[in-house]
Amino acid sequence: LIADEDGELCEVFGVWQLKKFMGREYMGIVRSTFIISPDGDILKSWDKVRVKGHVNEVLEALQSL
């Protein structure tokens, strides 16, 4: 979990995007998960994450590294 008060990381990771909800369009953060190596490389990413079952997917990916 990373705090990003100024939105800089949202821009870098591409998670600040146009969203649509109930016919309304607005800019917001797309729920995403990243596995980042100690060197800063993105090893795995998921976007538009659905909570149900997601933790198991991430755990499996971590265990396979």
N, C-alpha and C. Protein backbone atom coordinates (compact mmCIF):
# COMPACT_ATOMS: atom_id res chain seq x y z
N LEU A 1 0.85 -1.16 0.00
CA LEU A 1 0.00 0.00 0.00
C LEU A 1 0.90 1.22 0.00
N ILE A 2 0.64 2.15 -0.93
CA ILE A 2 1.45 3.36 -1.05
C ILE A 2 0.55 4.57 -0.97
N ALA A 3 0.92 5.55 -0.14
CA ALA A 3 0.21 6.82 -0.09
C ALA A 3 0.78 7.71 -1.19
N ASP A 4 -0.10 8.40 -1.91
CA ASP A 4 0.33 9.23 -3.04
C ASP A 4 -0.47 10.54 -3.03
N GLU A 5 -0.18 11.39 -2.07
CA GLU A 5 -0.95 12.61 -1.87
C GLU A 5 -0.93 13.56 -3.06
N ASP A 6 0.19 13.63 -3.78
CA ASP A 6 0.28 14.58 -4.90
C ASP A 6 -0.06 13.96 -6.25
N GLY A 7 -0.35 12.65 -6.28
CA GLY A 7 -0.75 11.99 -7.52
C GLY A 7 0.38 11.63 -8.46
N GLU A 8 1.61 11.86 -8.06
CA GLU A 8 2.76 11.59 -8.93
C GLU A 8 2.87 10.11 -9.29
N LEU A 9 2.71 9.24 -8.31
CA LEU A 9 2.82 7.80 -8.59
C LEU A 9 1.65 7.30 -9.43
N CYS A 10 0.48 7.89 -9.25
CA CYS A 10 -0.67 7.50 -10.08
C CYS A 10 -0.36 7.75 -11.55
N GLU A 11 0.29 8.85 -11.83
CA GLU A 11 0.68 9.16 -13.21
C GLU A 11 1.73 8.17 -13.71
N VAL A 12 2.75 7.91 -12.89
CA VAL A 12 3.83 7.00 -13.28
C VAL A 12 3.30 5.60 -13.58
N PHE A 13 2.40 5.11 -12.73
CA PHE A 13 1.88 3.75 -12.89
C PHE A 13 0.66 3.68 -13.80
N GLY A 14 0.19 4.82 -14.27
CA GLY A 14 -0.92 4.84 -15.23
C GLY A 14 -2.27 4.45 -14.66
N VAL A 15 -2.47 4.71 -13.37
CA VAL A 15 -3.74 4.32 -12.75
C VAL A 15 -4.73 5.47 -12.63
N TRP A 16 -4.33 6.69 -12.98
CA TRP A 16 -5.23 7.85 -12.99
C TRP A 16 -5.87 7.87 -14.37
N GLN A 17 -7.13 7.43 -14.46
CA GLN A 17 -7.77 7.24 -15.75
C GLN A 17 -9.22 7.73 -15.73
N LEU A 18 -9.77 7.84 -16.92
CA LEU A 18 -11.18 8.18 -17.06
C LEU A 18 -12.01 6.98 -16.60
N LYS A 19 -12.96 7.25 -15.72
CA LYS A 19 -13.83 6.19 -15.21
C LYS A 19 -15.27 6.54 -15.55
N LYS A 20 -16.12 5.54 -15.61
CA LYS A 20 -17.54 5.74 -15.90
C LYS A 20 -18.35 5.01 -14.84
N PHE A 21 -19.38 5.71 -14.33
CA PHE A 21 -20.26 5.11 -13.34
C PHE A 21 -21.62 5.76 -13.43
N MET A 22 -22.63 4.95 -13.66
CA MET A 22 -24.01 5.42 -13.75
C MET A 22 -24.17 6.57 -14.75
N GLY A 23 -23.53 6.42 -15.91
CA GLY A 23 -23.64 7.41 -16.97
C GLY A 23 -22.79 8.65 -16.78
N ARG A 24 -22.02 8.70 -15.72
CA ARG A 24 -21.17 9.85 -15.43
C ARG A 24 -19.71 9.49 -15.72
N GLU A 25 -18.97 10.41 -16.32
CA GLU A 25 -17.54 10.21 -16.57
C GLU A 25 -16.74 11.14 -15.67
N TYR A 26 -15.66 10.62 -15.12
CA TYR A 26 -14.82 11.42 -14.23
C TYR A 26 -13.44 10.78 -14.16
N MET A 27 -12.46 11.55 -13.74
CA MET A 27 -11.11 11.02 -13.56
C MET A 27 -11.00 10.43 -12.15
N GLY A 28 -10.35 9.28 -12.07
CA GLY A 28 -10.18 8.63 -10.78
C GLY A 28 -9.11 7.56 -10.84
N ILE A 29 -8.87 6.97 -9.71
CA ILE A 29 -7.85 5.93 -9.61
C ILE A 29 -8.47 4.57 -9.92
N VAL A 30 -7.88 3.86 -10.87
CA VAL A 30 -8.31 2.51 -11.20
C VAL A 30 -7.64 1.57 -10.20
N ARG A 31 -8.46 0.79 -9.50
CA ARG A 31 -7.92 -0.11 -8.48
C ARG A 31 -6.96 -1.09 -9.14
N SER A 32 -5.72 -1.08 -8.67
CA SER A 32 -4.66 -1.87 -9.30
C SER A 32 -3.74 -2.46 -8.25
N THR A 33 -3.05 -3.52 -8.64
CA THR A 33 -2.06 -4.17 -7.77
C THR A 33 -0.79 -4.37 -8.58
N PHE A 34 0.35 -4.11 -7.94
CA PHE A 34 1.65 -4.29 -8.58
C PHE A 34 2.55 -5.07 -7.65
N ILE A 35 3.30 -6.01 -8.20
CA ILE A 35 4.40 -6.64 -7.46
C ILE A 35 5.66 -5.97 -7.99
N ILE A 36 6.39 -5.32 -7.09
CA ILE A 36 7.56 -4.54 -7.47
C ILE A 36 8.79 -5.15 -6.80
N SER A 37 9.82 -5.38 -7.60
CA SER A 37 11.06 -5.97 -7.07
C SER A 37 11.80 -4.94 -6.22
N PRO A 38 12.75 -5.40 -5.41
CA PRO A 38 13.57 -4.45 -4.63
C PRO A 38 14.31 -3.45 -5.53
N ASP A 39 14.54 -3.82 -6.79
CA ASP A 39 15.21 -2.92 -7.73
C ASP A 39 14.25 -1.93 -8.38
N GLY A 40 12.96 -2.06 -8.09
CA GLY A 40 11.96 -1.14 -8.64
C GLY A 40 11.32 -1.61 -9.93
N ASP A 41 11.62 -2.83 -10.36
CA ASP A 41 11.01 -3.38 -11.58
C ASP A 41 9.61 -3.93 -11.27
N ILE A 42 8.67 -3.69 -12.18
CA ILE A 42 7.33 -4.27 -12.02
C ILE A 42 7.38 -5.71 -12.51
N LEU A 43 7.16 -6.64 -11.60
CA LEU A 43 7.22 -8.06 -11.93
C LEU A 43 5.87 -8.60 -12.39
N LYS A 44 4.80 -8.02 -11.88
CA LYS A 44 3.44 -8.46 -12.21
C LYS A 44 2.49 -7.31 -11.90
N SER A 45 1.45 -7.18 -12.71
CA SER A 45 0.46 -6.14 -12.43
C SER A 45 -0.94 -6.62 -12.78
N TRP A 46 -1.91 -6.09 -12.08
CA TRP A 46 -3.32 -6.34 -12.33
C TRP A 46 -4.01 -4.98 -12.34
N ASP A 47 -4.90 -4.76 -13.29
CA ASP A 47 -5.67 -3.52 -13.28
C ASP A 47 -7.16 -3.86 -13.24
N LYS A 48 -7.95 -2.87 -12.89
CA LYS A 48 -9.40 -3.06 -12.73
C LYS A 48 -9.69 -4.26 -11.83
N VAL A 49 -9.00 -4.28 -10.70
CA VAL A 49 -9.05 -5.39 -9.76
C VAL A 49 -10.44 -5.53 -9.14
N ARG A 50 -10.90 -6.76 -9.07
CA ARG A 50 -12.11 -7.13 -8.31
C ARG A 50 -11.61 -7.79 -7.03
N VAL A 51 -12.14 -7.38 -5.92
CA VAL A 51 -11.62 -7.83 -4.63
C VAL A 51 -11.76 -9.33 -4.43
N LYS A 52 -12.92 -9.89 -4.77
CA LYS A 52 -13.17 -11.31 -4.51
C LYS A 52 -12.15 -12.19 -5.26
N GLY A 53 -11.39 -12.97 -4.50
CA GLY A 53 -10.42 -13.89 -5.07
C GLY A 53 -9.09 -13.28 -5.45
N HIS A 54 -9.00 -11.96 -5.41
CA HIS A 54 -7.76 -11.30 -5.87
C HIS A 54 -6.57 -11.63 -4.98
N VAL A 55 -6.78 -11.67 -3.70
CA VAL A 55 -5.66 -11.94 -2.80
C VAL A 55 -5.03 -13.30 -3.10
N ASN A 56 -5.83 -14.27 -3.48
CA ASN A 56 -5.29 -15.59 -3.83
C ASN A 56 -4.46 -15.53 -5.10
N GLU A 57 -4.89 -14.75 -6.08
CA GLU A 57 -4.11 -14.58 -7.31
C GLU A 57 -2.75 -13.97 -7.00
N VAL A 58 -2.75 -12.94 -6.16
CA VAL A 58 -1.50 -12.25 -5.81
C VAL A 58 -0.59 -13.19 -5.03
N LEU A 59 -1.15 -13.92 -4.09
CA LEU A 59 -0.36 -14.87 -3.30
C LEU A 59 0.28 -15.93 -4.19
N GLU A 60 -0.47 -16.47 -5.13
CA GLU A 60 0.08 -17.46 -6.06
C GLU A 60 1.22 -16.87 -6.88
N ALA A 61 1.04 -15.64 -7.34
CA ALA A 61 2.10 -14.98 -8.13
C ALA A 61 3.35 -14.78 -7.28
N LEU A 62 3.18 -14.36 -6.04
CA LEU A 62 4.33 -14.16 -5.16
C LEU A 62 5.05 -15.47 -4.88
N GLN A 63 4.30 -16.53 -4.67
CA GLN A 63 4.91 -17.83 -4.38
C GLN A 63 5.64 -18.41 -5.59
N SER A 64 5.27 -18.00 -6.78
CA SER A 64 5.93 -18.51 -7.99
C SER A 64 7.21 -17.75 -8.32
N LEU A 65 7.49 -16.68 -7.61
CA LEU A 65 8.71 -15.90 -7.89
C LEU A 65 9.94 -16.60 -7.35
